[in-house]
Amino acid sequence: MSPPPLKGRRALVTGSTGGLGLAIAARLAAEGCGVMLHGLADPEEAEPARRALAERHGAPVLYCRADLADRTEIEALVCATERGLGGGVDILVNNAVTRHFGPVDALAPADWDADIAVNLTAAFHAIRLTLPGMRARGWGRILNMSSVYGLIGAAGRAGYVTTKTALIGLTRAVALETAREDITCNALCPGSTLTPAIETRLAPQLAAAGDDPAARAAVEAAFLADRQPSRRFIAADRVAAMAAFLCGPAGADITGAAIPIDGGWSAS
């Protein structure tokens, strides 16, 4: 039996203690990667997820807490990944995100600054710190987790739309700078997935629906009615599968792309 396609690679996935980040980290571990999980949880809180991935896939899986609004903590995260996994980062997934809602003229400056810092500037620093090692080793994969909101506009979330759009620009710039090397940089643009953040937003309606499958389906359909033409949530494991594809051999010639995974939302 041939080894997994990414056997021996080292991956850093930011914002990966739950949701899409954890799904991507799990898929990369299944493909043979050593993985550094990241989040704001204390190590004891993150330990069950870390241990489960390591035991399920037999891969080295570590966890590091870091505030990505702080450049020194980003630097410490990259150093911890290199030290813990025994070498430089081969696969970087910039997934960590913060969201603040409200019209532009009511958005607190501190909330805008946080969106810029975590969603965009942290990705720049992580790329800046890991790209030299990728170049030295002659191989690298960078995935920036944008969003359908990086492809279309929306009211009431200026920081999120701005940073997710800018991530696509950063992706294109890095892709062109590395086009002659075995390094790719792509952006994934998922639609609505049933992440913990969305589950929290739907919690009151789902609680009212109780255990009635039809009522719960109606709550989800109402949420998606003006979003995804598919009228179903994007499965996190399918986004993770696309991430693994882009990191594997078949993705070697795909770079600078902004790939929608949105049930037709951006096409409508």
C-alpha atoms as a PDB file:
ATOM      1  CA  MET A   1       0.000   0.000   0.000  1.00  0.00           C
ATOM      2  CA  SER A   2       1.379   3.420  -0.955  1.00  0.00           C
ATOM      3  CA  PRO A   3       1.859   5.981   1.819  1.00  0.00           C
ATOM      4  CA  PRO A   4      -0.628   8.843   2.213  1.00  0.00           C
ATOM      5  CA  PRO A   5       0.075  11.601  -0.348  1.00  0.00           C
ATOM      6  CA  LEU A   6       1.142  14.180   2.249  1.00  0.00           C
ATOM      7  CA  LYS A   7       3.073  11.799   4.499  1.00  0.00           C
ATOM      8  CA  GLY A   8       5.772  13.664   6.396  1.00  0.00           C
ATOM      9  CA  ARG A   9       4.523  17.159   5.566  1.00  0.00           C
ATOM     10  CA  ARG A  10       4.008  19.631   8.402  1.00  0.00           C
ATOM     11  CA  ALA A  11       0.863  21.761   8.505  1.00  0.00           C
ATOM     12  CA  LEU A  12      -0.152  24.795  10.541  1.00  0.00           C
ATOM     13  CA  VAL A  13      -3.904  25.461  10.556  1.00  0.00           C
ATOM     14  CA  THR A  14      -4.971  28.597  12.390  1.00  0.00           C
ATOM     15  CA  GLY A  15      -8.348  28.724  14.086  1.00  0.00           C
ATOM     16  CA  SER A  16      -8.585  24.939  14.179  1.00  0.00           C
ATOM     17  CA  THR A  17     -10.131  23.858  17.472  1.00  0.00           C
ATOM     18  CA  GLY A  18     -13.561  23.610  15.814  1.00  0.00           C
ATOM     19  CA  GLY A  19     -15.553  24.207  12.651  1.00  0.00           C
ATOM     20  CA  LEU A  20     -13.882  24.346   9.261  1.00  0.00           C
ATOM     21  CA  GLY A  21     -10.402  24.658  10.714  1.00  0.00           C
ATOM     22  CA  LEU A  22     -10.706  21.435  12.666  1.00  0.00           C
ATOM     23  CA  ALA A  23     -12.204  19.647   9.648  1.00  0.00           C
ATOM     24  CA  ILE A  24      -9.256  20.745   7.490  1.00  0.00           C
ATOM     25  CA  ALA A  25      -6.741  19.780  10.171  1.00  0.00           C
ATOM     26  CA  ALA A  26      -8.367  16.349  10.462  1.00  0.00           C
ATOM     27  CA  ARG A  27      -8.232  15.768   6.710  1.00  0.00           C
ATOM     28  CA  LEU A  28      -4.574  16.806   6.524  1.00  0.00           C
ATOM     29  CA  ALA A  29      -3.747  14.472   9.419  1.00  0.00           C
ATOM     30  CA  ALA A  30      -5.562  11.677   7.569  1.00  0.00           C
ATOM     31  CA  GLU A  31      -3.396  12.444   4.523  1.00  0.00           C
ATOM     32  CA  GLY A  32      -0.255  11.903   6.613  1.00  0.00           C
ATOM     33  CA  CYS A  33       0.583  15.409   7.818  1.00  0.00           C
ATOM     34  CA  GLY A  34       1.836  16.379  11.196  1.00  0.00           C
ATOM     35  CA  VAL A  35      -0.502  19.151  12.303  1.00  0.00           C
ATOM     36  CA  MET A  36      -0.330  22.139  14.610  1.00  0.00           C
ATOM     37  CA  LEU A  37      -3.769  23.100  15.858  1.00  0.00           C
ATOM     38  CA  HIS A  38      -4.276  26.677  16.956  1.00  0.00           C
ATOM     39  CA  GLY A  39      -6.866  28.678  18.828  1.00  0.00           C
ATOM     40  CA  LEU A  40      -7.569  30.840  21.853  1.00  0.00           C
ATOM     41  CA  ALA A  41      -8.599  27.972  24.113  1.00  0.00           C
ATOM     42  CA  ASP A  42      -6.421  26.963  27.023  1.00  0.00           C
ATOM     43  CA  PRO A  43      -4.390  23.807  26.293  1.00  0.00           C
ATOM     44  CA  GLU A  44      -6.598  21.741  28.626  1.00  0.00           C
ATOM     45  CA  GLU A  45      -9.706  22.761  26.674  1.00  0.00           C
ATOM     46  CA  ALA A  46      -8.093  21.902  23.342  1.00  0.00           C
ATOM     47  CA  GLU A  47      -6.616  18.615  24.520  1.00  0.00           C
ATOM     48  CA  PRO A  48      -9.603  16.370  23.667  1.00  0.00           C
ATOM     49  CA  ALA A  49      -9.610  17.529  20.024  1.00  0.00           C
ATOM     50  CA  ARG A  50      -5.838  17.237  19.784  1.00  0.00           C
ATOM     51  CA  ARG A  51      -5.753  13.769  21.305  1.00  0.00           C
ATOM     52  CA  ALA A  52      -8.639  12.519  19.174  1.00  0.00           C
ATOM     53  CA  LEU A  53      -6.906  13.560  15.936  1.00  0.00           C
ATOM     54  CA  ALA A  54      -3.586  12.071  16.973  1.00  0.00           C
ATOM     55  CA  GLU A  55      -5.133   8.752  17.998  1.00  0.00           C
ATOM     56  CA  ARG A  56      -7.431   8.500  14.971  1.00  0.00           C
ATOM     57  CA  HIS A  57      -4.766   9.153  12.368  1.00  0.00           C
ATOM     58  CA  GLY A  58      -1.521   8.139  14.062  1.00  0.00           C
ATOM     59  CA  ALA A  59      -0.020  11.502  13.139  1.00  0.00           C
ATOM     60  CA  PRO A  60       1.793  14.003  15.326  1.00  0.00           C
ATOM     61  CA  VAL A  61      -0.796  16.589  16.372  1.00  0.00           C
ATOM     62  CA  LEU A  62       0.062  19.529  18.615  1.00  0.00           C
ATOM     63  CA  TYR A  63      -1.778  22.573  19.921  1.00  0.00           C
ATOM     64  CA  CYS A  64      -0.622  26.139  20.502  1.00  0.00           C
ATOM     65  CA  ARG A  65      -2.607  29.022  21.916  1.00  0.00           C
ATOM     66  CA  ALA A  66      -1.878  32.383  20.283  1.00  0.00           C
ATOM     67  CA  ASP A  67      -3.599  35.731  19.884  1.00  0.00           C
ATOM     68  CA  LEU A  68      -3.247  36.496  16.184  1.00  0.00           C
ATOM     69  CA  ALA A  69      -3.819  40.188  16.792  1.00  0.00           C
ATOM     70  CA  ASP A  70      -0.339  40.203  18.353  1.00  0.00           C
ATOM     71  CA  ARG A  71       2.563  39.858  15.905  1.00  0.00           C
ATOM     72  CA  THR A  72       4.891  38.449  18.563  1.00  0.00           C
ATOM     73  CA  GLU A  73       2.403  35.670  19.288  1.00  0.00           C
ATOM     74  CA  ILE A  74       2.184  34.827  15.588  1.00  0.00           C
ATOM     75  CA  GLU A  75       5.958  34.544  15.523  1.00  0.00           C
ATOM     76  CA  ALA A  76       5.842  32.319  18.607  1.00  0.00           C
ATOM     77  CA  LEU A  77       3.180  30.132  16.977  1.00  0.00           C
ATOM     78  CA  VAL A  78       5.313  29.564  13.885  1.00  0.00           C
ATOM     79  CA  CYS A  79       8.356  28.808  16.033  1.00  0.00           C
ATOM     80  CA  ALA A  80       6.350  26.373  18.168  1.00  0.00           C
ATOM     81  CA  THR A  81       5.143  24.605  15.016  1.00  0.00           C
ATOM     82  CA  GLU A  82       8.648  24.253  13.612  1.00  0.00           C
ATOM     83  CA  ARG A  83      10.041  23.085  16.929  1.00  0.00           C
ATOM     84  CA  GLY A  84       7.190  20.735  17.780  1.00  0.00           C
ATOM     85  CA  LEU A  85       6.832  19.122  14.354  1.00  0.00           C
ATOM     86  CA  GLY A  86      10.557  18.912  13.729  1.00  0.00           C
ATOM     87  CA  GLY A  87      10.918  21.272  10.782  1.00  0.00           C
ATOM     88  CA  GLY A  88       9.503  24.165   8.828  1.00  0.00           C
ATOM     89  CA  VAL A  89       5.873  24.617   7.889  1.00  0.00           C
ATOM     90  CA  ASP A  90       5.083  22.971   4.539  1.00  0.00           C
ATOM     91  CA  ILE A  91       1.348  23.695   4.514  1.00  0.00           C
ATOM     92  CA  LEU A  92      -0.106  26.895   5.916  1.00  0.00           C
ATOM     93  CA  VAL A  93      -3.864  27.288   6.257  1.00  0.00           C
ATOM     94  CA  ASN A  94      -4.908  30.787   7.296  1.00  0.00           C
ATOM     95  CA  ASN A  95      -8.338  30.036   8.698  1.00  0.00           C
ATOM     96  CA  ALA A  96      -8.670  32.027  11.934  1.00  0.00           C
ATOM     97  CA  VAL A  97     -11.388  34.663  11.808  1.00  0.00           C
ATOM     98  CA  THR A  98     -13.252  37.210  13.830  1.00  0.00           C
ATOM     99  CA  ARG A  99     -16.581  38.816  12.906  1.00  0.00           C
ATOM    100  CA  HIS A 100     -18.294  42.000  14.011  1.00  0.00           C
ATOM    101  CA  PHE A 101     -21.716  43.010  12.774  1.00  0.00           C
ATOM    102  CA  GLY A 102     -23.303  46.404  12.233  1.00  0.00           C
ATOM    103  CA  PRO A 103     -23.455  49.274   9.735  1.00  0.00           C
ATOM    104  CA  VAL A 104     -20.227  51.074   8.911  1.00  0.00           C
ATOM    105  CA  ASP A 105     -21.126  54.235  10.802  1.00  0.00           C
ATOM    106  CA  ALA A 106     -21.940  52.241  13.937  1.00  0.00           C
ATOM    107  CA  LEU A 107     -18.981  49.839  13.796  1.00  0.00           C
ATOM    108  CA  ALA A 108     -16.632  50.379  16.720  1.00  0.00           C
ATOM    109  CA  PRO A 109     -13.104  51.265  15.562  1.00  0.00           C
ATOM    110  CA  ALA A 110     -11.725  48.586  17.882  1.00  0.00           C
ATOM    111  CA  ASP A 111     -13.900  45.959  16.153  1.00  0.00           C
ATOM    112  CA  TRP A 112     -12.692  47.104  12.726  1.00  0.00           C
ATOM    113  CA  ASP A 113      -9.088  46.939  13.925  1.00  0.00           C
ATOM    114  CA  ALA A 114      -9.639  43.420  15.287  1.00  0.00           C
ATOM    115  CA  ASP A 115     -11.097  42.211  11.977  1.00  0.00           C
ATOM    116  CA  ILE A 116      -8.153  43.628  10.034  1.00  0.00           C
ATOM    117  CA  ALA A 117      -5.609  42.219  12.490  1.00  0.00           C
ATOM    118  CA  VAL A 118      -6.926  38.667  12.803  1.00  0.00           C
ATOM    119  CA  ASN A 119      -8.491  38.076   9.396  1.00  0.00           C
ATOM    120  CA  LEU A 120      -5.888  39.757   7.191  1.00  0.00           C
ATOM    121  CA  THR A 121      -2.714  40.990   8.875  1.00  0.00           C
ATOM    122  CA  ALA A 122      -2.186  37.678  10.682  1.00  0.00           C
ATOM    123  CA  ALA A 123      -2.317  35.862   7.345  1.00  0.00           C
ATOM    124  CA  PHE A 124       0.311  38.224   5.944  1.00  0.00           C
ATOM    125  CA  HIS A 125       2.629  37.612   8.895  1.00  0.00           C
ATOM    126  CA  ALA A 126       2.139  33.837   8.785  1.00  0.00           C
ATOM    127  CA  ILE A 127       2.993  33.782   5.074  1.00  0.00           C
ATOM    128  CA  ARG A 128       5.923  36.140   5.604  1.00  0.00           C
ATOM    129  CA  LEU A 129       7.351  33.883   8.297  1.00  0.00           C
ATOM    130  CA  THR A 130       6.816  30.509   6.607  1.00  0.00           C
ATOM    131  CA  LEU A 131       7.488  31.275   2.938  1.00  0.00           C
ATOM    132  CA  PRO A 132      11.302  31.462   3.224  1.00  0.00           C
ATOM    133  CA  GLY A 133      11.407  27.920   4.600  1.00  0.00           C
ATOM    134  CA  MET A 134       9.117  26.657   1.859  1.00  0.00           C
ATOM    135  CA  ARG A 135      11.447  28.198  -0.696  1.00  0.00           C
ATOM    136  CA  ALA A 136      14.486  26.660   0.945  1.00  0.00           C
ATOM    137  CA  ARG A 137      12.880  23.197   0.873  1.00  0.00           C
ATOM    138  CA  GLY A 138      11.481  23.682  -2.647  1.00  0.00           C
ATOM    139  CA  TRP A 139       7.849  22.933  -1.766  1.00  0.00           C
ATOM    140  CA  GLY A 140       4.925  24.645  -0.087  1.00  0.00           C
ATOM    141  CA  ARG A 141       1.164  25.042  -0.052  1.00  0.00           C
ATOM    142  CA  ILE A 142      -0.652  28.110   1.267  1.00  0.00           C
ATOM    143  CA  LEU A 143      -4.430  28.210   1.653  1.00  0.00           C
ATOM    144  CA  ASN A 144      -6.199  31.397   2.656  1.00  0.00           C
ATOM    145  CA  MET A 145      -9.719  30.807   3.882  1.00  0.00           C
ATOM    146  CA  SER A 146     -11.716  33.572   2.293  1.00  0.00           C
ATOM    147  CA  SER A 147     -15.507  33.315   1.998  1.00  0.00           C
ATOM    148  CA  VAL A 148     -18.360  33.787  -0.405  1.00  0.00           C
ATOM    149  CA  TYR A 149     -18.293  37.290   1.096  1.00  0.00           C
ATOM    150  CA  GLY A 150     -14.893  37.718  -0.526  1.00  0.00           C
ATOM    151  CA  LEU A 151     -16.684  37.370  -3.875  1.00  0.00           C
ATOM    152  CA  ILE A 152     -19.853  39.363  -3.200  1.00  0.00           C
ATOM    153  CA  GLY A 153     -20.815  42.256  -0.957  1.00  0.00           C
ATOM    154  CA  ALA A 154     -23.082  42.315   2.080  1.00  0.00           C
ATOM    155  CA  ALA A 155     -24.424  44.982   4.388  1.00  0.00           C
ATOM    156  CA  GLY A 156     -23.718  45.049   8.082  1.00  0.00           C
ATOM    157  CA  ARG A 157     -20.356  43.269   8.056  1.00  0.00           C
ATOM    158  CA  ALA A 158     -17.861  45.701   6.576  1.00  0.00           C
ATOM    159  CA  GLY A 159     -14.845  44.291   8.383  1.00  0.00           C
ATOM    160  CA  TYR A 160     -15.563  40.724   7.355  1.00  0.00           C
ATOM    161  CA  VAL A 161     -16.319  41.541   3.701  1.00  0.00           C
ATOM    162  CA  THR A 162     -13.278  43.802   3.429  1.00  0.00           C
ATOM    163  CA  THR A 163     -10.830  41.323   4.934  1.00  0.00           C
ATOM    164  CA  LYS A 164     -12.162  38.310   3.041  1.00  0.00           C
ATOM    165  CA  THR A 165     -11.934  40.258  -0.224  1.00  0.00           C
ATOM    166  CA  ALA A 166      -8.425  41.417   0.617  1.00  0.00           C
ATOM    167  CA  LEU A 167      -7.347  37.842   1.342  1.00  0.00           C
ATOM    168  CA  ILE A 168      -8.060  37.025  -2.297  1.00  0.00           C
ATOM    169  CA  GLY A 169      -5.800  39.890  -3.365  1.00  0.00           C
ATOM    170  CA  LEU A 170      -3.065  38.641  -1.038  1.00  0.00           C
ATOM    171  CA  THR A 171      -3.522  35.157  -2.489  1.00  0.00           C
ATOM    172  CA  ARG A 172      -3.013  36.401  -6.041  1.00  0.00           C
ATOM    173  CA  ALA A 173       0.062  38.429  -5.129  1.00  0.00           C
ATOM    174  CA  VAL A 174       1.743  35.506  -3.363  1.00  0.00           C
ATOM    175  CA  ALA A 175       0.805  33.121  -6.174  1.00  0.00           C
ATOM    176  CA  LEU A 176       2.509  35.313  -8.755  1.00  0.00           C
ATOM    177  CA  GLU A 177       5.588  35.756  -6.598  1.00  0.00           C
ATOM    178  CA  THR A 178       5.957  31.963  -6.275  1.00  0.00           C
ATOM    179  CA  ALA A 179       4.712  30.911  -9.716  1.00  0.00           C
ATOM    180  CA  ARG A 180       8.073  29.482 -10.804  1.00  0.00           C
ATOM    181  CA  GLU A 181       8.495  27.443  -7.644  1.00  0.00           C
ATOM    182  CA  ASP A 182       6.721  24.343  -6.379  1.00  0.00           C
ATOM    183  CA  ILE A 183       4.716  26.576  -4.061  1.00  0.00           C
ATOM    184  CA  THR A 184       1.050  27.382  -4.533  1.00  0.00           C
ATOM    185  CA  CYS A 185      -1.253  29.879  -2.883  1.00  0.00           C
ATOM    186  CA  ASN A 186      -5.012  29.615  -3.217  1.00  0.00           C
ATOM    187  CA  ALA A 187      -8.127  30.939  -1.531  1.00  0.00           C
ATOM    188  CA  LEU A 188     -11.186  28.901  -0.646  1.00  0.00           C
ATOM    189  CA  CYS A 189     -14.509  30.746  -0.548  1.00  0.00           C
ATOM    190  CA  PRO A 190     -17.060  28.658   1.351  1.00  0.00           C
ATOM    191  CA  GLY A 191     -20.683  29.574   1.725  1.00  0.00           C
ATOM    192  CA  SER A 192     -22.612  28.906   4.909  1.00  0.00           C
ATOM    193  CA  THR A 193     -21.418  25.864   6.823  1.00  0.00           C
ATOM    194  CA  LEU A 194     -22.997  24.709  10.047  1.00  0.00           C
ATOM    195  CA  THR A 195     -20.129  25.966  12.166  1.00  0.00           C
ATOM    196  CA  PRO A 196     -20.397  26.613  15.922  1.00  0.00           C
ATOM    197  CA  ALA A 197     -20.875  30.333  15.168  1.00  0.00           C
ATOM    198  CA  ILE A 198     -23.921  29.669  12.959  1.00  0.00           C
ATOM    199  CA  GLU A 199     -25.262  27.058  15.366  1.00  0.00           C
ATOM    200  CA  THR A 200     -25.170  29.733  18.060  1.00  0.00           C
ATOM    201  CA  ARG A 201     -27.079  32.160  15.842  1.00  0.00           C
ATOM    202  CA  LEU A 202     -29.726  29.519  15.102  1.00  0.00           C
ATOM    203  CA  ALA A 203     -29.887  28.155  18.638  1.00  0.00           C
ATOM    204  CA  PRO A 204     -33.151  29.904  19.668  1.00  0.00           C
ATOM    205  CA  GLN A 205     -35.012  28.769  16.551  1.00  0.00           C
ATOM    206  CA  LEU A 206     -33.646  25.229  16.772  1.00  0.00           C
ATOM    207  CA  ALA A 207     -34.557  25.045  20.453  1.00  0.00           C
ATOM    208  CA  ALA A 208     -38.113  26.054  19.564  1.00  0.00           C
ATOM    209  CA  ALA A 209     -38.192  23.368  16.853  1.00  0.00           C
ATOM    210  CA  GLY A 210     -37.240  20.724  19.406  1.00  0.00           C
ATOM    211  CA  ASP A 211     -36.718  17.219  18.053  1.00  0.00           C
ATOM    212  CA  ASP A 212     -39.050  17.647  15.077  1.00  0.00           C
ATOM    213  CA  PRO A 213     -36.872  16.957  11.985  1.00  0.00           C
ATOM    214  CA  ALA A 214     -39.210  18.849   9.675  1.00  0.00           C
ATOM    215  CA  ALA A 215     -39.254  21.896  11.927  1.00  0.00           C
ATOM    216  CA  ARG A 216     -35.476  21.873  12.255  1.00  0.00           C
ATOM    217  CA  ALA A 217     -35.091  21.535   8.484  1.00  0.00           C
ATOM    218  CA  ALA A 218     -37.426  24.497   8.053  1.00  0.00           C
ATOM    219  CA  VAL A 219     -35.254  26.615  10.347  1.00  0.00           C
ATOM    220  CA  GLU A 220     -32.163  25.799   8.277  1.00  0.00           C
ATOM    221  CA  ALA A 221     -34.000  26.365   4.983  1.00  0.00           C
ATOM    222  CA  ALA A 222     -35.226  29.772   6.161  1.00  0.00           C
ATOM    223  CA  PHE A 223     -31.686  30.747   7.111  1.00  0.00           C
ATOM    224  CA  LEU A 224     -30.354  29.695   3.700  1.00  0.00           C
ATOM    225  CA  ALA A 225     -33.271  30.987   1.603  1.00  0.00           C
ATOM    226  CA  ASP A 226     -31.574  34.210   0.529  1.00  0.00           C
ATOM    227  CA  ARG A 227     -28.122  32.654   0.439  1.00  0.00           C
ATOM    228  CA  GLN A 228     -27.311  29.289  -1.115  1.00  0.00           C
ATOM    229  CA  PRO A 229     -29.422  28.163  -4.096  1.00  0.00           C
ATOM    230  CA  SER A 230     -28.700  24.586  -3.018  1.00  0.00           C
ATOM    231  CA  ARG A 231     -30.703  25.290   0.187  1.00  0.00           C
ATOM    232  CA  ARG A 232     -28.338  23.138   2.201  1.00  0.00           C
ATOM    233  CA  PHE A 233     -25.360  23.913   4.375  1.00  0.00           C
ATOM    234  CA  ILE A 234     -21.907  23.366   2.894  1.00  0.00           C
ATOM    235  CA  ALA A 235     -20.439  20.243   4.480  1.00  0.00           C
ATOM    236  CA  ALA A 236     -17.216  21.021   6.342  1.00  0.00           C
ATOM    237  CA  ASP A 237     -15.647  17.732   5.265  1.00  0.00           C
ATOM    238  CA  ARG A 238     -16.117  18.671   1.603  1.00  0.00           C
ATOM    239  CA  VAL A 239     -14.292  21.956   2.124  1.00  0.00           C
ATOM    240  CA  ALA A 240     -11.566  19.965   3.875  1.00  0.00           C
ATOM    241  CA  ALA A 241     -11.391  17.569   0.936  1.00  0.00           C
ATOM    242  CA  MET A 242     -10.832  20.480  -1.453  1.00  0.00           C
ATOM    243  CA  ALA A 243      -8.088  21.799   0.820  1.00  0.00           C
ATOM    244  CA  ALA A 244      -6.360  18.412   0.774  1.00  0.00           C
ATOM    245  CA  PHE A 245      -6.747  18.194  -3.012  1.00  0.00           C
ATOM    246  CA  LEU A 246      -5.030  21.565  -3.462  1.00  0.00           C
ATOM    247  CA  CYS A 247      -2.194  20.436  -1.194  1.00  0.00           C
ATOM    248  CA  GLY A 248      -1.773  17.103  -2.971  1.00  0.00           C
ATOM    249  CA  PRO A 249      -0.125  16.194  -6.277  1.00  0.00           C
ATOM    250  CA  ALA A 250      -3.214  16.981  -8.394  1.00  0.00           C
ATOM    251  CA  GLY A 251      -3.232  20.572  -7.136  1.00  0.00           C
ATOM    252  CA  ALA A 252       0.311  21.419  -8.151  1.00  0.00           C
ATOM    253  CA  ASP A 253      -0.726  23.612 -11.094  1.00  0.00           C
ATOM    254  CA  ILE A 254      -3.568  25.405  -9.331  1.00  0.00           C
ATOM    255  CA  THR A 255      -2.393  28.689  -7.863  1.00  0.00           C
ATOM    256  CA  GLY A 256      -3.817  32.155  -7.467  1.00  0.00           C
ATOM    257  CA  ALA A 257      -7.355  30.768  -7.568  1.00  0.00           C
ATOM    258  CA  ALA A 258     -10.339  31.874  -5.505  1.00  0.00           C
ATOM    259  CA  ILE A 259     -12.498  28.768  -5.432  1.00  0.00           C
ATOM    260  CA  PRO A 260     -16.163  29.083  -4.424  1.00  0.00           C
ATOM    261  CA  ILE A 261     -17.668  26.216  -2.447  1.00  0.00           C
ATOM    262  CA  ASP A 262     -21.032  27.833  -1.947  1.00  0.00           C
ATOM    263  CA  GLY A 263     -23.877  25.833  -3.459  1.00  0.00           C
ATOM    264  CA  GLY A 264     -24.200  28.325  -6.304  1.00  0.00           C
ATOM    265  CA  TRP A 265     -24.474  31.416  -4.077  1.00  0.00           C
ATOM    266  CA  SER A 266     -21.839  33.505  -5.879  1.00  0.00           C
ATOM    267  CA  ALA A 267     -23.307  32.528  -9.249  1.00  0.00           C
ATOM    268  CA  SER A 268     -26.764  33.854  -8.427  1.00  0.00           C
END
